[in-house]
């Protein structure tokens, strides 16, 4: 089903006033629908007003959080946990650092079993 329904122009030659009315109404409809879109260049309004279902897809190329309301990546959570535990990130000697699972095992050793 189309998200935008426009009026068809049926007789441009014989009924120009009807065509003009339909074209103007279509333009107004398109403008209203464009205002509902999320802007990639931050043009306002630019807020999401409903939940977004990504259909199992991931958000990629997410930057590091800069404030308390920013989304965090797994690596940011790992580093925070390490910092809270007083550990250097990746200090276990593995080539690529330590996974979050390894960190959680360390936490369980200190505080006991974790449940979600």
C-alpha atoms as a PDB file:
ATOM      1  CA  UNK A   1       0.000   0.000   0.000  1.00  0.00           C
ATOM      2  CA  UNK A   2       1.327   3.413  -0.898  1.00  0.00           C
ATOM      3  CA  UNK A   3       2.235   5.748   1.966  1.00  0.00           C
ATOM      4  CA  UNK A   4       1.251   8.747  -0.139  1.00  0.00           C
ATOM      5  CA  UNK A   5      -1.932   8.878  -2.190  1.00  0.00           C
ATOM      6  CA  UNK A   6      -2.107  11.520  -4.909  1.00  0.00           C
ATOM      7  CA  UNK A   7      -4.996  12.593  -7.088  1.00  0.00           C
ATOM      8  CA  UNK A   8      -4.770  11.411 -10.679  1.00  0.00           C
ATOM      9  CA  UNK A   9      -5.007  14.074 -13.357  1.00  0.00           C
ATOM     10  CA  UNK A  10      -7.674  12.765 -15.711  1.00  0.00           C
ATOM     11  CA  UNK A  11      -8.387  15.534 -18.219  1.00  0.00           C
ATOM     12  CA  UNK A  12      -5.695  18.172 -18.391  1.00  0.00           C
ATOM     13  CA  UNK A  13      -6.743  19.504 -21.786  1.00  0.00           C
ATOM     14  CA  UNK A  14     -10.525  19.798 -21.324  1.00  0.00           C
ATOM     15  CA  UNK A  15     -10.648  20.708 -17.629  1.00  0.00           C
ATOM     16  CA  UNK A  16      -7.538  22.754 -16.732  1.00  0.00           C
ATOM     17  CA  UNK A  17      -9.034  24.153 -13.512  1.00  0.00           C
ATOM     18  CA  UNK A  18      -9.622  20.627 -12.172  1.00  0.00           C
ATOM     19  CA  UNK A  19      -6.062  19.724 -13.172  1.00  0.00           C
ATOM     20  CA  UNK A  20      -4.651  22.806 -11.456  1.00  0.00           C
ATOM     21  CA  UNK A  21      -6.613  22.028  -8.292  1.00  0.00           C
ATOM     22  CA  UNK A  22      -5.403  18.412  -8.347  1.00  0.00           C
ATOM     23  CA  UNK A  23      -1.778  19.418  -8.966  1.00  0.00           C
ATOM     24  CA  UNK A  24      -1.867  21.932  -6.109  1.00  0.00           C
ATOM     25  CA  UNK A  25      -3.454  19.357  -3.800  1.00  0.00           C
ATOM     26  CA  UNK A  26      -0.812  16.779  -4.811  1.00  0.00           C
ATOM     27  CA  UNK A  27       1.982  19.276  -4.132  1.00  0.00           C
ATOM     28  CA  UNK A  28       0.532  20.026  -0.682  1.00  0.00           C
ATOM     29  CA  UNK A  29       0.300  16.288   0.067  1.00  0.00           C
ATOM     30  CA  UNK A  30       3.915  15.735  -0.990  1.00  0.00           C
ATOM     31  CA  UNK A  31       5.096  18.665   1.164  1.00  0.00           C
ATOM     32  CA  UNK A  32       3.227  17.291   4.187  1.00  0.00           C
ATOM     33  CA  UNK A  33       4.717  13.827   3.693  1.00  0.00           C
ATOM     34  CA  UNK A  34       8.242  15.203   3.279  1.00  0.00           C
ATOM     35  CA  UNK A  35       7.845  16.952   6.648  1.00  0.00           C
ATOM     36  CA  UNK A  36       7.245  13.516   8.194  1.00  0.00           C
ATOM     37  CA  UNK A  37      10.575  12.116   6.966  1.00  0.00           C
ATOM     38  CA  UNK A  38      13.726  11.930   9.049  1.00  0.00           C
ATOM     39  CA  UNK A  39      16.250  14.414   7.718  1.00  0.00           C
ATOM     40  CA  UNK A  40      19.787  13.238   7.014  1.00  0.00           C
ATOM     41  CA  UNK A  41      21.116  16.805   7.171  1.00  0.00           C
ATOM     42  CA  UNK A  42      19.461  17.707  10.512  1.00  0.00           C
ATOM     43  CA  UNK A  43      16.813  19.931   8.945  1.00  0.00           C
ATOM     44  CA  UNK A  44      14.026  20.425  11.476  1.00  0.00           C
ATOM     45  CA  UNK A  45      11.759  18.810  12.471  1.00  0.00           C
ATOM     46  CA  UNK A  46      14.067  15.823  12.824  1.00  0.00           C
ATOM     47  CA  UNK A  47      12.764  13.724  15.710  1.00  0.00           C
ATOM     48  CA  UNK A  48      11.635  10.111  15.606  1.00  0.00           C
ATOM     49  CA  UNK A  49       8.211   9.989  17.243  1.00  0.00           C
ATOM     50  CA  UNK A  50       7.681   6.216  17.261  1.00  0.00           C
ATOM     51  CA  UNK A  51       9.632   3.007  17.822  1.00  0.00           C
ATOM     52  CA  UNK A  52      11.878   1.979  14.941  1.00  0.00           C
ATOM     53  CA  UNK A  53      11.798  -1.693  13.951  1.00  0.00           C
ATOM     54  CA  UNK A  54      15.072  -2.529  12.222  1.00  0.00           C
ATOM     55  CA  UNK A  55      13.773  -5.949  11.210  1.00  0.00           C
ATOM     56  CA  UNK A  56      16.854  -7.717  12.571  1.00  0.00           C
ATOM     57  CA  UNK A  57      19.272  -5.324  10.891  1.00  0.00           C
ATOM     58  CA  UNK A  58      22.140  -3.687  12.768  1.00  0.00           C
ATOM     59  CA  UNK A  59      23.083  -0.073  13.266  1.00  0.00           C
ATOM     60  CA  UNK A  60      26.612   0.280  11.922  1.00  0.00           C
ATOM     61  CA  UNK A  61      29.301   2.977  12.031  1.00  0.00           C
ATOM     62  CA  UNK A  62      28.026   4.274  15.366  1.00  0.00           C
ATOM     63  CA  UNK A  63      30.333   6.830  16.937  1.00  0.00           C
ATOM     64  CA  UNK A  64      31.535   6.695  20.527  1.00  0.00           C
ATOM     65  CA  UNK A  65      29.062   8.134  23.041  1.00  0.00           C
ATOM     66  CA  UNK A  66      29.685  11.735  24.098  1.00  0.00           C
ATOM     67  CA  UNK A  67      26.836  12.258  26.563  1.00  0.00           C
ATOM     68  CA  UNK A  68      24.693  10.214  28.903  1.00  0.00           C
ATOM     69  CA  UNK A  69      21.877   9.864  26.380  1.00  0.00           C
ATOM     70  CA  UNK A  70      24.048   8.600  23.495  1.00  0.00           C
ATOM     71  CA  UNK A  71      23.921   4.983  22.357  1.00  0.00           C
ATOM     72  CA  UNK A  72      26.966   2.940  23.386  1.00  0.00           C
ATOM     73  CA  UNK A  73      28.783   0.298  21.371  1.00  0.00           C
ATOM     74  CA  UNK A  74      29.860  -3.035  22.908  1.00  0.00           C
ATOM     75  CA  UNK A  75      33.466  -1.820  22.933  1.00  0.00           C
ATOM     76  CA  UNK A  76      32.403   1.221  24.983  1.00  0.00           C
ATOM     77  CA  UNK A  77      30.650  -0.997  27.518  1.00  0.00           C
ATOM     78  CA  UNK A  78      33.683  -3.285  27.685  1.00  0.00           C
ATOM     79  CA  UNK A  79      36.031  -0.369  28.316  1.00  0.00           C
ATOM     80  CA  UNK A  80      33.735   1.073  30.984  1.00  0.00           C
ATOM     81  CA  UNK A  81      33.581  -2.258  32.806  1.00  0.00           C
ATOM     82  CA  UNK A  82      37.369  -2.540  32.660  1.00  0.00           C
ATOM     83  CA  UNK A  83      37.733   0.980  34.009  1.00  0.00           C
ATOM     84  CA  UNK A  84      35.306   0.241  36.849  1.00  0.00           C
ATOM     85  CA  UNK A  85      37.276  -2.917  37.699  1.00  0.00           C
ATOM     86  CA  UNK A  86      40.566  -1.013  37.617  1.00  0.00           C
ATOM     87  CA  UNK A  87      41.876  -3.074  34.709  1.00  0.00           C
ATOM     88  CA  UNK A  88      43.630  -2.018  31.529  1.00  0.00           C
ATOM     89  CA  UNK A  89      41.557  -2.833  28.484  1.00  0.00           C
ATOM     90  CA  UNK A  90      42.977  -6.020  26.934  1.00  0.00           C
ATOM     91  CA  UNK A  91      45.462  -6.724  29.726  1.00  0.00           C
ATOM     92  CA  UNK A  92      44.925 -10.494  29.729  1.00  0.00           C
ATOM     93  CA  UNK A  93      47.531 -10.817  27.001  1.00  0.00           C
ATOM     94  CA  UNK A  94      45.271 -11.934  24.173  1.00  0.00           C
ATOM     95  CA  UNK A  95      46.184 -10.349  20.878  1.00  0.00           C
ATOM     96  CA  UNK A  96      42.877  -8.532  20.374  1.00  0.00           C
ATOM     97  CA  UNK A  97      42.027  -7.727  23.972  1.00  0.00           C
ATOM     98  CA  UNK A  98      39.341  -9.346  26.063  1.00  0.00           C
ATOM     99  CA  UNK A  99      35.761 -10.006  25.069  1.00  0.00           C
ATOM    100  CA  UNK A 100      32.779  -8.838  27.069  1.00  0.00           C
ATOM    101  CA  UNK A 101      32.151 -12.473  28.013  1.00  0.00           C
ATOM    102  CA  UNK A 102      35.610 -12.616  29.589  1.00  0.00           C
ATOM    103  CA  UNK A 103      34.922  -9.382  31.462  1.00  0.00           C
ATOM    104  CA  UNK A 104      31.591 -10.701  32.741  1.00  0.00           C
ATOM    105  CA  UNK A 105      33.359 -13.833  33.983  1.00  0.00           C
ATOM    106  CA  UNK A 106      35.746 -11.561  35.908  1.00  0.00           C
ATOM    107  CA  UNK A 107      32.772  -9.675  37.374  1.00  0.00           C
ATOM    108  CA  UNK A 108      31.071 -12.930  38.362  1.00  0.00           C
ATOM    109  CA  UNK A 109      34.237 -13.918  40.174  1.00  0.00           C
ATOM    110  CA  UNK A 110      33.953 -10.732  42.257  1.00  0.00           C
ATOM    111  CA  UNK A 111      30.203 -10.348  42.807  1.00  0.00           C
ATOM    112  CA  UNK A 112      28.837 -13.831  42.142  1.00  0.00           C
ATOM    113  CA  UNK A 113      26.599 -15.201  39.378  1.00  0.00           C
ATOM    114  CA  UNK A 114      25.010 -12.653  37.052  1.00  0.00           C
ATOM    115  CA  UNK A 115      21.412 -13.087  35.920  1.00  0.00           C
ATOM    116  CA  UNK A 116      19.647 -11.228  33.151  1.00  0.00           C
END
